[in-house]
C-alpha atoms as a PDB file:
ATOM      1  CA  MET A   1      -0.019  -0.045  -0.054  1.00  0.00           C
ATOM      2  CA  THR A   2       1.363   3.367  -0.916  1.00  0.00           C
ATOM      3  CA  GLY A   3      -0.443   5.047   1.992  1.00  0.00           C
ATOM      4  CA  GLU A   4      -0.337   4.501   5.685  1.00  0.00           C
ATOM      5  CA  PRO A   5      -2.684   1.538   6.621  1.00  0.00           C
ATOM      6  CA  TRP A   6      -2.724   2.610  10.297  1.00  0.00           C
ATOM      7  CA  LEU A   7      -4.632   5.762   9.249  1.00  0.00           C
ATOM      8  CA  TYR A   8      -7.675   3.660   8.573  1.00  0.00           C
ATOM      9  CA  ARG A   9      -7.544   1.694  11.800  1.00  0.00           C
ATOM     10  CA  VAL A  10     -10.152   3.941  13.453  1.00  0.00           C
ATOM     11  CA  LEU A  11     -12.758   2.730  10.791  1.00  0.00           C
ATOM     12  CA  VAL A  12     -12.148  -0.941  11.510  1.00  0.00           C
ATOM     13  CA  ASP A  13     -14.730  -2.579  13.823  1.00  0.00           C
ATOM     14  CA  PRO A  14     -12.710  -5.032  15.882  1.00  0.00           C
ATOM     15  CA  GLY A  15     -15.804  -7.269  16.457  1.00  0.00           C
ATOM     16  CA  ALA A  16     -16.919  -7.452  12.823  1.00  0.00           C
ATOM     17  CA  THR A  17     -16.592 -10.359  10.542  1.00  0.00           C
ATOM     18  CA  ARG A  18     -16.248 -10.265   6.782  1.00  0.00           C
ATOM     19  CA  SER A  19     -18.851 -12.997   5.992  1.00  0.00           C
ATOM     20  CA  ASP A  20     -20.850 -11.952   3.014  1.00  0.00           C
ATOM     21  CA  ALA A  21     -19.838  -8.229   3.455  1.00  0.00           C
ATOM     22  CA  PRO A  22     -19.648  -6.199   0.235  1.00  0.00           C
ATOM     23  CA  LEU A  23     -16.219  -4.712  -0.700  1.00  0.00           C
ATOM     24  CA  LEU A  24     -15.695  -0.868  -0.594  1.00  0.00           C
ATOM     25  CA  ASP A  25     -12.747  -0.413  -2.864  1.00  0.00           C
ATOM     26  CA  LEU A  26     -11.038   3.082  -2.540  1.00  0.00           C
ATOM     27  CA  PRO A  27      -8.276   4.678  -4.517  1.00  0.00           C
ATOM     28  CA  PRO A  28      -4.742   5.365  -3.268  1.00  0.00           C
ATOM     29  CA  GLY A  29      -4.582   8.495  -1.200  1.00  0.00           C
ATOM     30  CA  THR A  30      -8.141   8.402   0.109  1.00  0.00           C
ATOM     31  CA  GLU A  31      -8.297  10.328   3.345  1.00  0.00           C
ATOM     32  CA  PRO A  32      -9.852   8.461   6.370  1.00  0.00           C
ATOM     33  CA  ALA A  33     -12.735  10.919   6.468  1.00  0.00           C
ATOM     34  CA  ASP A  34     -13.482  10.412   2.873  1.00  0.00           C
ATOM     35  CA  ALA A  35     -13.368   6.606   3.347  1.00  0.00           C
ATOM     36  CA  ALA A  36     -15.802   7.011   6.284  1.00  0.00           C
ATOM     37  CA  SER A  37     -18.053   9.195   4.250  1.00  0.00           C
ATOM     38  CA  ALA A  38     -18.052   6.699   1.331  1.00  0.00           C
ATOM     39  CA  ALA A  39     -18.908   3.883   3.740  1.00  0.00           C
ATOM     40  CA  VAL A  40     -21.791   5.899   5.226  1.00  0.00           C
ATOM     41  CA  THR A  41     -22.992   6.499   1.717  1.00  0.00           C
ATOM     42  CA  VAL A  42     -22.903   2.785   0.859  1.00  0.00           C
ATOM     43  CA  PHE A  43     -24.810   1.857   4.061  1.00  0.00           C
ATOM     44  CA  ALA A  44     -27.430   4.562   3.162  1.00  0.00           C
ATOM     45  CA  VAL A  45     -27.901   3.007  -0.310  1.00  0.00           C
ATOM     46  CA  ASP A  46     -27.627  -0.707   0.729  1.00  0.00           C
ATOM     47  CA  ALA A  47     -29.810  -1.053   3.817  1.00  0.00           C
ATOM     48  CA  GLU A  48     -29.162  -4.864   3.935  1.00  0.00           C
ATOM     49  CA  ALA A  49     -25.310  -4.648   4.107  1.00  0.00           C
ATOM     50  CA  PRO A  50     -24.322  -5.687   7.615  1.00  0.00           C
ATOM     51  CA  ALA A  51     -20.674  -4.582   7.186  1.00  0.00           C
ATOM     52  CA  LEU A  52     -18.232  -3.503   4.485  1.00  0.00           C
ATOM     53  CA  VAL A  53     -14.703  -4.838   3.761  1.00  0.00           C
ATOM     54  CA  LEU A  54     -12.589  -1.763   3.269  1.00  0.00           C
ATOM     55  CA  ARG A  55      -9.788  -1.912   0.683  1.00  0.00           C
ATOM     56  CA  VAL A  56      -7.500   1.028  -0.130  1.00  0.00           C
ATOM     57  CA  ASP A  57      -5.102   0.890  -2.987  1.00  0.00           C
ATOM     58  CA  ASP A  58      -5.750  -2.887  -3.496  1.00  0.00           C
ATOM     59  CA  ASP A  59      -4.882  -3.668   0.170  1.00  0.00           C
ATOM     60  CA  GLU A  60      -7.499  -4.871   2.542  1.00  0.00           C
ATOM     61  CA  VAL A  61      -7.710  -2.614   5.606  1.00  0.00           C
ATOM     62  CA  GLY A  62     -10.339  -4.438   7.595  1.00  0.00           C
ATOM     63  CA  VAL A  63     -14.108  -4.577   8.133  1.00  0.00           C
ATOM     64  CA  THR A  64     -16.394  -1.708   9.250  1.00  0.00           C
ATOM     65  CA  THR A  65     -19.985  -1.771  10.306  1.00  0.00           C
ATOM     66  CA  ARG A  66     -22.799   0.697  10.347  1.00  0.00           C
ATOM     67  CA  ALA A  67     -22.913   0.635  14.055  1.00  0.00           C
ATOM     68  CA  HIS A  68     -19.205   1.247  14.438  1.00  0.00           C
ATOM     69  CA  LEU A  69     -19.376   4.294  12.212  1.00  0.00           C
ATOM     70  CA  HIS A  70     -22.336   5.483  14.165  1.00  0.00           C
ATOM     71  CA  ARG A  71     -20.355   5.071  17.466  1.00  0.00           C
ATOM     72  CA  LEU A  72     -17.493   7.105  15.958  1.00  0.00           C
ATOM     73  CA  GLY A  73     -19.729  10.046  15.135  1.00  0.00           C
ATOM     74  CA  GLY A  74     -18.835  12.884  12.727  1.00  0.00           C
ATOM     75  CA  THR A  75     -16.376  14.811  15.018  1.00  0.00           C
ATOM     76  CA  VAL A  76     -13.737  12.089  15.214  1.00  0.00           C
ATOM     77  CA  LEU A  77     -13.141  11.990  11.518  1.00  0.00           C
ATOM     78  CA  ARG A  78     -13.118  15.666  10.673  1.00  0.00           C
ATOM     79  CA  GLY A  79      -9.842  17.207   9.685  1.00  0.00           C
ATOM     80  CA  PRO A  80      -8.422  20.684   9.480  1.00  0.00           C
ATOM     81  CA  GLY A  81     -10.399  22.939   7.212  1.00  0.00           C
ATOM     82  CA  ASP A  82     -13.595  20.860   7.463  1.00  0.00           C
ATOM     83  CA  GLY A  83     -15.385  23.744   9.181  1.00  0.00           C
ATOM     84  CA  ASP A  84     -18.341  22.845  11.399  1.00  0.00           C
ATOM     85  CA  GLY A  85     -19.165  19.643   9.631  1.00  0.00           C
ATOM     86  CA  ALA A  86     -22.317  20.938   8.122  1.00  0.00           C
ATOM     87  CA  THR A  87     -23.217  19.621   4.757  1.00  0.00           C
ATOM     88  CA  LEU A  88     -25.689  20.654   2.094  1.00  0.00           C
ATOM     89  CA  PRO A  89     -28.477  18.370   1.171  1.00  0.00           C
ATOM     90  CA  GLY A  90     -28.080  16.265  -2.033  1.00  0.00           C
ATOM     91  CA  GLU A  91     -25.480  13.964  -3.437  1.00  0.00           C
ATOM     92  CA  SER A  92     -21.721  14.283  -2.742  1.00  0.00           C
ATOM     93  CA  THR A  93     -19.835  16.503  -5.171  1.00  0.00           C
ATOM     94  CA  ARG A  94     -16.551  14.830  -4.206  1.00  0.00           C
ATOM     95  CA  TYR A  95     -17.409  11.276  -5.429  1.00  0.00           C
ATOM     96  CA  VAL A  96     -20.133   8.993  -6.681  1.00  0.00           C
ATOM     97  CA  VAL A  97     -20.380   5.479  -5.233  1.00  0.00           C
ATOM     98  CA  LEU A  98     -20.573   2.860  -8.059  1.00  0.00           C
ATOM     99  CA  ARG A  99     -22.060  -0.615  -7.342  1.00  0.00           C
ATOM    100  CA  PHE A 100     -20.766  -3.684  -9.059  1.00  0.00           C
ATOM    101  CA  ALA A 101     -22.263  -7.252  -8.870  1.00  0.00           C
ATOM    102  CA  CYS A 102     -21.250 -10.685 -10.007  1.00  0.00           C
ATOM    103  CA  GLU A 103     -23.914 -12.138 -12.250  1.00  0.00           C
ATOM    104  CA  THR A 104     -23.014 -15.695 -11.264  1.00  0.00           C
ATOM    105  CA  CYS A 105     -22.910 -15.561  -7.416  1.00  0.00           C
ATOM    106  CA  GLU A 106     -24.350 -12.146  -6.641  1.00  0.00           C
ATOM    107  CA  THR A 107     -21.347 -10.889  -4.808  1.00  0.00           C
ATOM    108  CA  THR A 108     -21.409  -7.113  -4.538  1.00  0.00           C
ATOM    109  CA  ALA A 109     -18.593  -4.529  -4.471  1.00  0.00           C
ATOM    110  CA  TYR A 110     -18.651  -0.719  -4.270  1.00  0.00           C
ATOM    111  CA  ARG A 111     -16.071   1.744  -5.634  1.00  0.00           C
ATOM    112  CA  VAL A 112     -15.759   5.467  -5.750  1.00  0.00           C
ATOM    113  CA  HIS A 113     -13.620   5.155  -8.951  1.00  0.00           C
ATOM    114  CA  VAL A 114     -12.970   2.927 -11.907  1.00  0.00           C
ATOM    115  CA  GLY A 115      -9.286   3.048 -12.710  1.00  0.00           C
ATOM    116  CA  MET A 116      -7.294   1.738 -15.537  1.00  0.00           C
ATOM    117  CA  SER A 117      -7.912  -1.856 -14.331  1.00  0.00           C
ATOM    118  CA  GLY A 118     -11.604  -1.522 -14.997  1.00  0.00           C
ATOM    119  CA  ALA A 119     -14.327  -3.248 -13.009  1.00  0.00           C
ATOM    120  CA  PRO A 120     -13.460  -5.252 -10.031  1.00  0.00           C
ATOM    121  CA  GLU A 121     -12.953  -9.000 -10.403  1.00  0.00           C
ATOM    122  CA  CYS A 122     -15.285 -11.378  -8.516  1.00  0.00           C
ATOM    123  CA  PRO A 123     -13.461 -12.756  -5.475  1.00  0.00           C
ATOM    124  CA  ASN A 124     -14.976 -16.130  -6.270  1.00  0.00           C
ATOM    125  CA  GLY A 125     -13.234 -16.330  -9.626  1.00  0.00           C
ATOM    126  CA  HIS A 126     -16.187 -15.507 -11.879  1.00  0.00           C
ATOM    127  CA  GLY A 127     -14.447 -12.745 -13.836  1.00  0.00           C
ATOM    128  CA  PRO A 128     -15.248  -8.979 -14.005  1.00  0.00           C
ATOM    129  CA  MET A 129     -18.245  -7.763 -12.156  1.00  0.00           C
ATOM    130  CA  GLU A 130     -20.971  -5.811 -13.968  1.00  0.00           C
ATOM    131  CA  ALA A 131     -21.760  -2.216 -13.108  1.00  0.00           C
ATOM    132  CA  GLU A 132     -25.427  -1.765 -11.663  1.00  0.00           C
ATOM    133  CA  ARG A 133     -27.402   1.463 -12.002  1.00  0.00           C
END
């Protein structure tokens, strides 16, 4: 990993398991606050997701849960220049969360980018996953 994996440790729920958790794949250099915001967005879109496997720059960071992020609250993850944390209603102007699914086994993955490597591969060996709308 080109970044610092310990930066994301605060997002990892120590009691969480990865069983059937969708993947949230983030690009290199993603700030922890942006990773948390992306995870919150995925949980808002996918109400059935119990947890998310966080991966930054192709390295797995760990598993986070909706409850863990709720316990953290917004103030822990704010950085310098973030102001009072107020947000305008509507979709994020910083990223769009993309959902991919395997047509064979229905495994789900989320990304905030599609790099040169294209769509994510199914972890069960079924090839590239298809983008959903």
